[in-house]
């Protein structure tokens, strides 16, 4: 038997012929409730050395289980399935970005790019602070609100510390007499 070795040209994550499937259980959740993302890569080839996809979203708590990899020989083909689940928790709207897997298809000699979908997650009861942060500039105006014709001002109170101490002492005396 003659063995032909094809050396791939380019950068890739796995070798074989695969299909990528992804899904979320909900695109709208209450604040601080989980959104579950399931990713499955399956097809012909070995996925034992595949490092998988990762996410890092600012302001979003993320949990994930260890990837589950199943492989079995079907006739003369090695069939593999990679499954990983992620849990995203946030108090504000966020987007789960698309991720890609580069596959060297040894049958065609080409590198294919498989991509997950991008998911925009709407959080009901989202905290306004996280959704529309106020940006203060030197003149105290929110630059994003200024474009819409609205103005925000930063208010600061200058109260001497001895005045605050005196106020606390007097309220303590009043509370003693009332109680």
N, C-alpha and C. Protein backbone atom coordinates (compact mmCIF):
# COMPACT_ATOMS: atom_id res chain seq x y z
N UNK A 1 0.83 -1.19 0.00
CA UNK A 1 0.00 0.00 0.00
C UNK A 1 0.87 1.25 0.00
N UNK A 2 0.53 2.16 -0.86
CA UNK A 2 1.25 3.41 -0.98
C UNK A 2 0.56 4.47 -0.13
N UNK A 3 1.32 5.19 0.67
CA UNK A 3 0.78 6.24 1.53
C UNK A 3 1.21 7.58 0.97
N UNK A 4 0.23 8.45 0.74
CA UNK A 4 0.51 9.78 0.25
C UNK A 4 0.32 10.76 1.39
N UNK A 5 1.32 11.58 1.61
CA UNK A 5 1.26 12.57 2.68
C UNK A 5 1.08 13.94 2.06
N UNK A 6 0.00 14.62 2.47
CA UNK A 6 -0.25 15.98 2.00
C UNK A 6 0.11 16.93 3.12
N UNK A 7 1.01 17.84 2.85
CA UNK A 7 1.39 18.83 3.85
C UNK A 7 0.51 20.06 3.67
N UNK A 8 -0.28 20.40 4.71
CA UNK A 8 -1.16 21.56 4.59
C UNK A 8 -0.38 22.87 4.59
N UNK A 9 -0.90 23.83 3.83
CA UNK A 9 -0.29 25.15 3.80
C UNK A 9 -1.22 26.10 4.54
N UNK A 10 -0.74 26.74 5.59
CA UNK A 10 -1.56 27.70 6.33
C UNK A 10 -1.79 27.26 7.77
N UNK A 11 -2.49 28.09 8.51
CA UNK A 11 -2.77 27.87 9.91
C UNK A 11 -4.17 27.26 10.06
N UNK A 12 -4.30 26.22 10.88
CA UNK A 12 -5.59 25.57 11.08
C UNK A 12 -5.67 25.02 12.49
N UNK A 13 -6.90 24.71 12.92
CA UNK A 13 -7.14 24.19 14.27
C UNK A 13 -7.27 22.67 14.29
N UNK A 14 -7.94 22.10 13.29
CA UNK A 14 -8.17 20.66 13.23
C UNK A 14 -8.05 20.17 11.79
N UNK A 15 -7.90 18.84 11.65
CA UNK A 15 -7.80 18.22 10.34
C UNK A 15 -8.98 17.28 10.17
N UNK A 16 -9.66 17.38 9.03
CA UNK A 16 -10.78 16.48 8.76
C UNK A 16 -11.87 17.18 7.99
N UNK A 17 -13.08 16.66 8.12
CA UNK A 17 -14.26 17.23 7.48
C UNK A 17 -15.34 17.32 8.56
N UNK A 18 -15.73 18.56 8.93
CA UNK A 18 -16.60 18.75 10.08
C UNK A 18 -17.76 19.69 9.78
N UNK A 19 -18.78 19.60 10.64
CA UNK A 19 -19.89 20.54 10.67
C UNK A 19 -19.90 21.17 12.06
N UNK A 20 -20.19 22.47 12.12
CA UNK A 20 -20.23 23.20 13.38
C UNK A 20 -21.66 23.62 13.65
N UNK A 21 -22.14 23.34 14.85
CA UNK A 21 -23.50 23.70 15.23
C UNK A 21 -23.44 24.40 16.58
N UNK A 22 -24.22 25.48 16.73
CA UNK A 22 -24.27 26.20 18.00
C UNK A 22 -25.68 26.70 18.24
N UNK A 23 -26.04 26.84 19.53
CA UNK A 23 -27.38 27.33 19.87
C UNK A 23 -27.38 27.89 21.28
N UNK A 24 -28.28 28.86 21.52
CA UNK A 24 -28.51 29.38 22.87
C UNK A 24 -29.93 29.01 23.27
N UNK A 25 -30.15 28.87 24.58
CA UNK A 25 -31.48 28.49 25.04
C UNK A 25 -32.43 29.68 25.10
N UNK A 26 -31.90 30.91 25.14
CA UNK A 26 -32.76 32.09 25.18
C UNK A 26 -31.98 33.32 24.73
N UNK A 27 -32.66 34.22 24.02
CA UNK A 27 -32.04 35.48 23.61
C UNK A 27 -32.56 36.64 24.45
N UNK A 28 -33.47 36.34 25.39
CA UNK A 28 -33.99 37.36 26.29
C UNK A 28 -34.18 36.72 27.67
N UNK A 29 -33.51 37.30 28.68
CA UNK A 29 -33.56 36.75 30.05
C UNK A 29 -33.72 37.89 31.05
N UNK A 30 -34.11 37.54 32.27
CA UNK A 30 -34.14 38.50 33.35
C UNK A 30 -32.71 38.76 33.80
N UNK A 31 -32.50 39.90 34.48
CA UNK A 31 -31.17 40.26 34.96
C UNK A 31 -30.62 39.16 35.86
N UNK A 32 -29.35 38.85 35.69
CA UNK A 32 -28.61 37.85 36.47
C UNK A 32 -29.16 36.44 36.33
N UNK A 33 -29.81 36.15 35.22
CA UNK A 33 -30.28 34.80 34.90
C UNK A 33 -29.37 34.24 33.81
N UNK A 34 -29.15 32.92 33.80
CA UNK A 34 -28.19 32.34 32.84
C UNK A 34 -28.70 32.23 31.41
N UNK A 35 -27.76 32.37 30.49
CA UNK A 35 -27.97 32.07 29.07
C UNK A 35 -27.00 30.94 28.75
N UNK A 36 -27.52 29.84 28.24
CA UNK A 36 -26.70 28.66 27.95
C UNK A 36 -26.39 28.58 26.46
N UNK A 37 -25.10 28.48 26.14
CA UNK A 37 -24.64 28.31 24.76
C UNK A 37 -24.06 26.92 24.63
N UNK A 38 -24.51 26.19 23.61
CA UNK A 38 -23.99 24.85 23.34
C UNK A 38 -23.31 24.87 21.98
N UNK A 39 -22.08 24.38 21.93
CA UNK A 39 -21.32 24.30 20.68
C UNK A 39 -20.98 22.85 20.42
N UNK A 40 -21.21 22.41 19.17
CA UNK A 40 -20.91 21.04 18.80
C UNK A 40 -20.20 21.02 17.45
N UNK A 41 -19.03 20.40 17.43
CA UNK A 41 -18.24 20.22 16.21
C UNK A 41 -18.18 18.72 15.97
N UNK A 42 -18.67 18.26 14.82
CA UNK A 42 -18.67 16.81 14.58
C UNK A 42 -18.38 16.51 13.12
N UNK A 43 -17.78 15.34 12.92
CA UNK A 43 -17.48 14.93 11.56
C UNK A 43 -16.39 13.89 11.50
N UNK A 44 -15.71 13.85 10.36
CA UNK A 44 -14.68 12.85 10.12
C UNK A 44 -13.31 13.42 10.46
N UNK A 45 -12.61 12.73 11.36
CA UNK A 45 -11.28 13.15 11.78
C UNK A 45 -11.15 13.03 13.30
N UNK A 46 -9.97 13.36 13.81
CA UNK A 46 -9.72 13.28 15.26
C UNK A 46 -9.79 14.66 15.88
N UNK A 47 -10.54 14.78 16.97
CA UNK A 47 -10.64 16.04 17.70
C UNK A 47 -9.96 15.97 19.07
N UNK A 48 -9.17 14.93 19.30
CA UNK A 48 -8.53 14.75 20.60
C UNK A 48 -7.58 15.88 20.98
N UNK A 49 -6.94 16.50 20.00
CA UNK A 49 -5.99 17.58 20.28
C UNK A 49 -6.60 18.97 20.11
N UNK A 50 -7.89 19.05 19.82
CA UNK A 50 -8.54 20.34 19.60
C UNK A 50 -8.66 21.09 20.92
N UNK A 51 -8.21 22.34 20.95
CA UNK A 51 -8.21 23.14 22.17
C UNK A 51 -9.55 23.83 22.43
N UNK A 52 -10.38 23.97 21.42
CA UNK A 52 -11.72 24.50 21.62
C UNK A 52 -11.82 26.00 21.49
N UNK A 53 -13.04 26.49 21.69
CA UNK A 53 -13.35 27.91 21.59
C UNK A 53 -13.43 28.51 22.99
N UNK A 54 -13.05 29.76 23.11
CA UNK A 54 -13.11 30.45 24.40
C UNK A 54 -13.80 31.80 24.23
N UNK A 55 -14.38 32.29 25.31
CA UNK A 55 -15.04 33.58 25.34
C UNK A 55 -14.55 34.36 26.54
N UNK A 56 -14.44 35.67 26.40
CA UNK A 56 -14.09 36.56 27.51
C UNK A 56 -14.84 37.87 27.27
N UNK A 57 -15.96 38.04 27.98
CA UNK A 57 -16.79 39.21 27.78
C UNK A 57 -16.72 40.11 29.00
N UNK A 58 -16.39 41.35 28.78
CA UNK A 58 -16.29 42.32 29.87
C UNK A 58 -17.65 42.52 30.53
N UNK A 59 -17.70 42.45 31.86
CA UNK A 59 -18.93 42.67 32.60
C UNK A 59 -19.89 41.51 32.58
N UNK A 60 -19.47 40.36 32.06
CA UNK A 60 -20.33 39.17 31.99
C UNK A 60 -19.63 38.03 32.72
N UNK A 61 -20.35 37.38 33.65
CA UNK A 61 -19.81 36.21 34.34
C UNK A 61 -19.97 35.01 33.43
N UNK A 62 -18.91 34.21 33.32
CA UNK A 62 -18.90 33.10 32.37
C UNK A 62 -18.47 31.82 33.09
N UNK A 63 -19.23 30.77 32.87
CA UNK A 63 -18.89 29.44 33.36
C UNK A 63 -18.89 28.50 32.17
N UNK A 64 -18.04 27.48 32.21
CA UNK A 64 -18.08 26.47 31.16
C UNK A 64 -17.67 25.13 31.74
N UNK A 65 -18.20 24.07 31.15
CA UNK A 65 -17.80 22.74 31.57
C UNK A 65 -16.60 22.31 30.73
N UNK A 66 -16.02 21.18 31.08
CA UNK A 66 -14.95 20.63 30.25
C UNK A 66 -15.57 20.10 28.98
N UNK A 67 -14.85 20.22 27.90
CA UNK A 67 -15.35 19.72 26.63
C UNK A 67 -15.46 18.21 26.67
N UNK A 68 -16.49 17.70 25.99
CA UNK A 68 -16.68 16.26 25.90
C UNK A 68 -16.34 15.86 24.47
N UNK A 69 -15.41 14.94 24.32
CA UNK A 69 -14.99 14.48 23.00
C UNK A 69 -15.28 12.99 22.88
N UNK A 70 -16.10 12.63 21.88
CA UNK A 70 -16.42 11.24 21.59
C UNK A 70 -15.84 10.89 20.24
N UNK A 71 -15.16 9.74 20.16
CA UNK A 71 -14.62 9.27 18.88
C UNK A 71 -14.96 7.80 18.71
N UNK A 72 -15.31 7.43 17.47
CA UNK A 72 -15.56 6.01 17.19
C UNK A 72 -15.21 5.73 15.74
N UNK A 73 -14.84 4.51 15.50
CA UNK A 73 -14.47 4.09 14.16
C UNK A 73 -15.72 3.54 13.46
N UNK A 74 -16.08 4.16 12.34
CA UNK A 74 -17.24 3.72 11.55
C UNK A 74 -16.69 3.28 10.20
N UNK A 75 -16.62 1.97 9.99
CA UNK A 75 -15.99 1.45 8.78
C UNK A 75 -14.51 1.80 8.80
N UNK A 76 -14.08 2.58 7.82
CA UNK A 76 -12.67 3.01 7.78
C UNK A 76 -12.52 4.46 8.19
N UNK A 77 -13.61 5.08 8.68
CA UNK A 77 -13.57 6.49 9.06
C UNK A 77 -13.58 6.66 10.57
N UNK A 78 -12.78 7.60 11.05
CA UNK A 78 -12.82 7.97 12.46
C UNK A 78 -13.80 9.13 12.59
N UNK A 79 -14.90 8.93 13.28
CA UNK A 79 -15.93 9.95 13.49
C UNK A 79 -15.75 10.52 14.89
N UNK A 80 -15.71 11.85 15.01
CA UNK A 80 -15.52 12.50 16.30
C UNK A 80 -16.57 13.57 16.53
N UNK A 81 -16.87 13.80 17.81
CA UNK A 81 -17.81 14.86 18.18
C UNK A 81 -17.25 15.58 19.41
N UNK A 82 -17.15 16.90 19.29
CA UNK A 82 -16.69 17.79 20.37
C UNK A 82 -17.91 18.57 20.83
N UNK A 83 -18.22 18.53 22.13
CA UNK A 83 -19.36 19.26 22.68
C UNK A 83 -18.89 20.06 23.89
N UNK A 84 -19.26 21.34 23.92
CA UNK A 84 -18.92 22.18 25.07
C UNK A 84 -20.07 23.14 25.32
N UNK A 85 -20.35 23.38 26.61
CA UNK A 85 -21.42 24.30 26.98
C UNK A 85 -20.84 25.45 27.80
N UNK A 86 -21.41 26.63 27.57
CA UNK A 86 -21.02 27.84 28.28
C UNK A 86 -22.27 28.44 28.93
N UNK A 87 -22.08 29.08 30.09
CA UNK A 87 -23.17 29.78 30.76
C UNK A 87 -22.73 31.22 30.94
N UNK A 88 -23.56 32.16 30.45
CA UNK A 88 -23.29 33.59 30.55
C UNK A 88 -24.31 34.20 31.50
N UNK A 89 -23.86 35.03 32.46
CA UNK A 89 -24.75 35.69 33.40
C UNK A 89 -24.37 37.16 33.45
N UNK A 90 -25.40 38.05 33.30
CA UNK A 90 -25.12 39.48 33.31
C UNK A 90 -26.34 40.25 33.79
N UNK A 91 -26.09 41.50 34.21
CA UNK A 91 -27.18 42.38 34.61
C UNK A 91 -27.46 43.43 33.54
N UNK A 92 -26.83 43.28 32.36
CA UNK A 92 -27.05 44.21 31.26
C UNK A 92 -26.99 43.46 29.92
N UNK A 93 -27.52 44.09 28.88
CA UNK A 93 -27.50 43.50 27.54
C UNK A 93 -26.06 43.22 27.12
N UNK A 94 -25.86 42.13 26.39
CA UNK A 94 -24.52 41.80 25.92
C UNK A 94 -24.63 41.00 24.63
N UNK A 95 -23.49 40.84 23.96
CA UNK A 95 -23.43 40.09 22.71
C UNK A 95 -22.42 38.97 22.86
N UNK A 96 -22.85 37.76 22.52
CA UNK A 96 -21.92 36.62 22.45
C UNK A 96 -21.36 36.66 21.03
N UNK A 97 -20.06 36.94 20.91
CA UNK A 97 -19.50 37.12 19.56
C UNK A 97 -19.35 35.80 18.81
N UNK A 98 -19.26 35.91 17.51
CA UNK A 98 -19.01 34.76 16.66
C UNK A 98 -17.56 34.29 16.88
N UNK A 99 -17.36 33.00 16.84
CA UNK A 99 -16.01 32.42 16.93
C UNK A 99 -15.84 31.50 15.72
N UNK A 100 -14.59 31.28 15.32
CA UNK A 100 -14.35 30.45 14.14
C UNK A 100 -13.40 29.30 14.44
N UNK A 101 -13.55 28.25 13.64
CA UNK A 101 -12.69 27.07 13.70
C UNK A 101 -12.12 26.89 12.30
N UNK A 102 -10.81 26.85 12.20
CA UNK A 102 -10.16 26.64 10.91
C UNK A 102 -9.88 25.14 10.75
N UNK A 103 -10.43 24.57 9.66
CA UNK A 103 -10.36 23.13 9.43
C UNK A 103 -9.57 22.86 8.14
N UNK A 104 -8.54 22.04 8.26
CA UNK A 104 -7.83 21.60 7.05
C UNK A 104 -8.55 20.34 6.55
N UNK A 105 -9.20 20.47 5.40
CA UNK A 105 -9.90 19.35 4.79
C UNK A 105 -8.91 18.62 3.90
N UNK A 106 -8.45 17.45 4.34
CA UNK A 106 -7.41 16.73 3.61
C UNK A 106 -7.93 16.16 2.29
N UNK A 107 -9.25 16.06 2.12
CA UNK A 107 -9.79 15.55 0.86
C UNK A 107 -9.67 16.60 -0.25
N UNK A 108 -9.90 17.87 0.11
CA UNK A 108 -9.83 18.94 -0.89
C UNK A 108 -8.49 19.67 -0.85
N UNK A 109 -7.75 19.53 0.25
CA UNK A 109 -6.48 20.24 0.39
C UNK A 109 -6.67 21.71 0.75
N UNK A 110 -7.89 22.09 1.13
CA UNK A 110 -8.21 23.49 1.45
C UNK A 110 -8.43 23.67 2.95
N UNK A 111 -8.20 24.90 3.41
CA UNK A 111 -8.52 25.26 4.79
C UNK A 111 -9.87 25.97 4.77
N UNK A 112 -10.83 25.39 5.50
CA UNK A 112 -12.18 25.95 5.58
C UNK A 112 -12.34 26.62 6.93
N UNK A 113 -13.14 27.66 6.95
CA UNK A 113 -13.40 28.35 8.21
C UNK A 113 -14.87 28.18 8.58
N UNK A 114 -15.12 27.52 9.71
CA UNK A 114 -16.47 27.33 10.22
C UNK A 114 -16.70 28.36 11.32
N UNK A 115 -17.88 29.00 11.32
CA UNK A 115 -18.13 30.06 12.30
C UNK A 115 -19.41 29.80 13.09
N UNK A 116 -19.36 30.17 14.38
CA UNK A 116 -20.57 30.16 15.20
C UNK A 116 -21.35 31.43 14.90
N UNK A 117 -22.60 31.45 15.31
CA UNK A 117 -23.43 32.65 15.12
C UNK A 117 -23.12 33.67 16.22
N UNK A 118 -23.41 34.93 15.94
CA UNK A 118 -23.33 35.97 16.95
C UNK A 118 -24.73 36.08 17.58
N UNK A 119 -24.77 36.15 18.91
CA UNK A 119 -26.06 36.24 19.61
C UNK A 119 -26.13 37.53 20.41
N UNK A 120 -27.16 38.34 20.14
CA UNK A 120 -27.40 39.56 20.91
C UNK A 120 -28.40 39.20 22.00
N UNK A 121 -27.97 39.31 23.25
CA UNK A 121 -28.79 38.91 24.39
C UNK A 121 -29.40 40.14 25.03
N UNK A 122 -30.72 40.16 25.14
CA UNK A 122 -31.47 41.25 25.76
C UNK A 122 -31.74 40.84 27.22
N UNK A 123 -31.33 41.71 28.15
CA UNK A 123 -31.55 41.44 29.57
C UNK A 123 -32.66 42.35 30.08
N UNK A 124 -33.78 41.73 30.49
CA UNK A 124 -34.92 42.48 31.02
C UNK A 124 -34.55 42.99 32.41
N UNK A 125 -34.91 44.24 32.70
CA UNK A 125 -34.56 44.83 34.00
C UNK A 125 -33.08 45.14 34.08
N UNK A 126 -32.49 45.41 32.93
CA UNK A 126 -31.05 45.70 32.87
C UNK A 126 -30.74 46.94 33.68
N UNK A 127 -29.60 46.91 34.38
CA UNK A 127 -29.21 48.08 35.16
C UNK A 127 -28.83 49.19 34.20
N UNK A 128 -29.39 50.37 34.42
CA UNK A 128 -29.14 51.51 33.53
C UNK A 128 -27.68 51.91 33.54
N UNK A 129 -27.03 51.73 34.67
CA UNK A 129 -25.62 52.13 34.79
C UNK A 129 -24.76 51.35 33.79
N UNK A 130 -25.04 50.07 33.64
CA UNK A 130 -24.24 49.25 32.73
C UNK A 130 -24.63 49.47 31.28
N UNK A 131 -25.91 49.75 31.02
CA UNK A 131 -26.36 49.89 29.65
C UNK A 131 -25.98 51.24 29.07
N UNK A 132 -26.23 52.33 29.84
CA UNK A 132 -25.91 53.66 29.35
C UNK A 132 -25.02 54.38 30.38
N UNK A 133 -23.74 54.09 30.36
CA UNK A 133 -22.86 54.73 31.33
C UNK A 133 -22.74 56.23 31.07
N UNK A 134 -22.65 57.01 32.13
CA UNK A 134 -22.47 58.45 31.99
C UNK A 134 -20.98 58.72 31.90
N UNK A 135 -20.62 59.49 30.90
CA UNK A 135 -19.22 59.85 30.70
C UNK A 135 -19.06 61.33 31.01
N UNK A 136 -18.26 61.65 32.01
CA UNK A 136 -18.04 63.04 32.38
C UNK A 136 -16.78 63.55 31.72
N UNK A 137 -16.91 64.75 31.15
CA UNK A 137 -15.76 65.40 30.55
C UNK A 137 -15.35 66.56 31.45
N UNK A 138 -14.36 67.34 31.03
CA UNK A 138 -13.87 68.45 31.84
C UNK A 138 -14.97 69.45 32.20
N UNK A 139 -15.86 69.73 31.27
CA UNK A 139 -16.91 70.70 31.53
C UNK A 139 -18.15 70.08 32.18
N UNK A 140 -18.09 68.79 32.54
CA UNK A 140 -19.18 68.15 33.26
C UNK A 140 -20.32 67.71 32.39
N UNK A 141 -20.16 67.68 31.07
CA UNK A 141 -21.23 67.33 30.16
C UNK A 141 -20.98 65.92 29.62
N UNK A 142 -22.03 65.13 29.59
CA UNK A 142 -21.95 63.79 29.01
C UNK A 142 -21.85 63.96 27.50
N UNK A 143 -20.74 63.57 26.91
CA UNK A 143 -20.51 63.82 25.50
C UNK A 143 -21.48 63.04 24.61
N UNK A 144 -21.92 61.85 25.02
CA UNK A 144 -22.86 61.10 24.19
C UNK A 144 -24.25 61.72 24.27
N UNK A 145 -24.65 62.26 25.43
CA UNK A 145 -25.96 62.90 25.57
C UNK A 145 -25.98 64.24 24.86
N UNK A 146 -24.83 64.91 24.80
CA UNK A 146 -24.75 66.21 24.16
C UNK A 146 -25.11 66.10 22.68
N UNK A 147 -24.76 64.98 22.05
CA UNK A 147 -25.08 64.78 20.65
C UNK A 147 -26.59 64.66 20.44
N UNK A 148 -27.31 64.26 21.48
CA UNK A 148 -28.75 64.10 21.36
C UNK A 148 -29.49 65.34 21.86
N UNK A 149 -28.76 66.39 22.23
CA UNK A 149 -29.37 67.62 22.71
C UNK A 149 -29.64 67.63 24.20
N UNK A 150 -29.23 66.58 24.91
CA UNK A 150 -29.42 66.53 26.35
C UNK A 150 -28.10 66.88 27.03
N UNK A 151 -28.19 67.37 28.27
CA UNK A 151 -26.99 67.74 29.00
C UNK A 151 -27.05 67.10 30.39
N UNK A 152 -25.93 66.52 30.81
CA UNK A 152 -25.82 65.97 32.16
C UNK A 152 -24.78 66.80 32.90
N UNK A 153 -25.02 67.05 34.19
CA UNK A 153 -24.06 67.80 34.99
C UNK A 153 -23.65 66.98 36.19
N UNK A 154 -22.41 67.12 36.53
CA UNK A 154 -21.90 66.45 37.72
C UNK A 154 -22.01 67.44 38.88
N UNK A 155 -22.67 67.01 39.95
CA UNK A 155 -22.87 67.89 41.10
C UNK A 155 -22.03 67.36 42.25
N UNK A 156 -21.24 68.24 42.84
CA UNK A 156 -20.46 67.83 44.01
C UNK A 156 -20.70 68.83 45.14
N UNK A 157 -20.79 68.31 46.34
CA UNK A 157 -21.05 69.13 47.52
C UNK A 157 -19.75 69.28 48.30
N UNK A 158 -19.45 70.49 48.65
CA UNK A 158 -18.27 70.76 49.47
C UNK A 158 -18.75 71.05 50.89
N UNK A 159 -18.71 70.06 51.77
CA UNK A 159 -19.14 70.22 53.15
C UNK A 159 -17.93 69.98 54.04
N UNK A 160 -17.63 70.93 54.94
CA UNK A 160 -16.48 70.73 55.83
C UNK A 160 -16.69 69.51 56.73
N UNK A 161 -15.61 68.80 57.03
CA UNK A 161 -15.72 67.59 57.83
C UNK A 161 -16.19 67.88 59.26
N UNK A 162 -15.82 69.05 59.83
CA UNK A 162 -16.27 69.36 61.20
C UNK A 162 -17.78 69.55 61.25
N UNK A 163 -18.36 70.04 60.12
CA UNK A 163 -19.81 70.23 60.06
C UNK A 163 -20.53 68.88 60.04
N UNK A 164 -19.96 67.92 59.34
CA UNK A 164 -20.53 66.58 59.30
C UNK A 164 -20.46 65.93 60.68
N UNK A 165 -19.36 66.11 61.39
CA UNK A 165 -19.20 65.56 62.73
C UNK A 165 -20.21 66.18 63.70
N UNK A 166 -20.40 67.48 63.60
CA UNK A 166 -21.36 68.18 64.45
C UNK A 166 -22.78 67.68 64.15
N UNK A 167 -23.11 67.48 62.88
CA UNK A 167 -24.43 66.97 62.50
C UNK A 167 -24.68 65.58 63.05
N UNK A 168 -23.67 64.71 63.01
CA UNK A 168 -23.80 63.36 63.55
C UNK A 168 -24.01 63.40 65.07
N UNK A 169 -23.30 64.28 65.77
CA UNK A 169 -23.42 64.41 67.22
C UNK A 169 -24.83 64.87 67.60
N UNK A 170 -25.33 65.89 66.90
CA UNK A 170 -26.67 66.44 67.20
C UNK A 170 -27.75 65.39 66.90
N UNK A 171 -27.64 64.68 65.77
CA UNK A 171 -28.65 63.65 65.48
C UNK A 171 -28.59 62.53 66.49
N UNK A 172 -27.43 62.23 67.06
CA UNK A 172 -27.32 61.22 68.12
C UNK A 172 -28.05 61.65 69.38
N UNK A 173 -27.94 62.93 69.75
CA UNK A 173 -28.64 63.46 70.93
C UNK A 173 -30.13 63.40 70.69
N UNK A 174 -30.60 63.81 69.50
CA UNK A 174 -32.02 63.80 69.18
C UNK A 174 -32.56 62.38 69.23
N UNK A 175 -31.86 61.41 68.69
CA UNK A 175 -32.29 60.02 68.70
C UNK A 175 -32.37 59.47 70.13
N UNK A 176 -31.47 59.92 71.02
CA UNK A 176 -31.49 59.47 72.41
C UNK A 176 -32.76 59.95 73.09
N UNK A 177 -33.14 61.22 72.89
CA UNK A 177 -34.34 61.77 73.52
C UNK A 177 -35.61 61.16 72.93
N UNK A 178 -35.61 60.91 71.62
CA UNK A 178 -36.79 60.33 70.98
C UNK A 178 -36.99 58.89 71.45
N UNK A 179 -35.90 58.16 71.58
CA UNK A 179 -35.97 56.75 71.99
C UNK A 179 -36.29 56.63 73.42
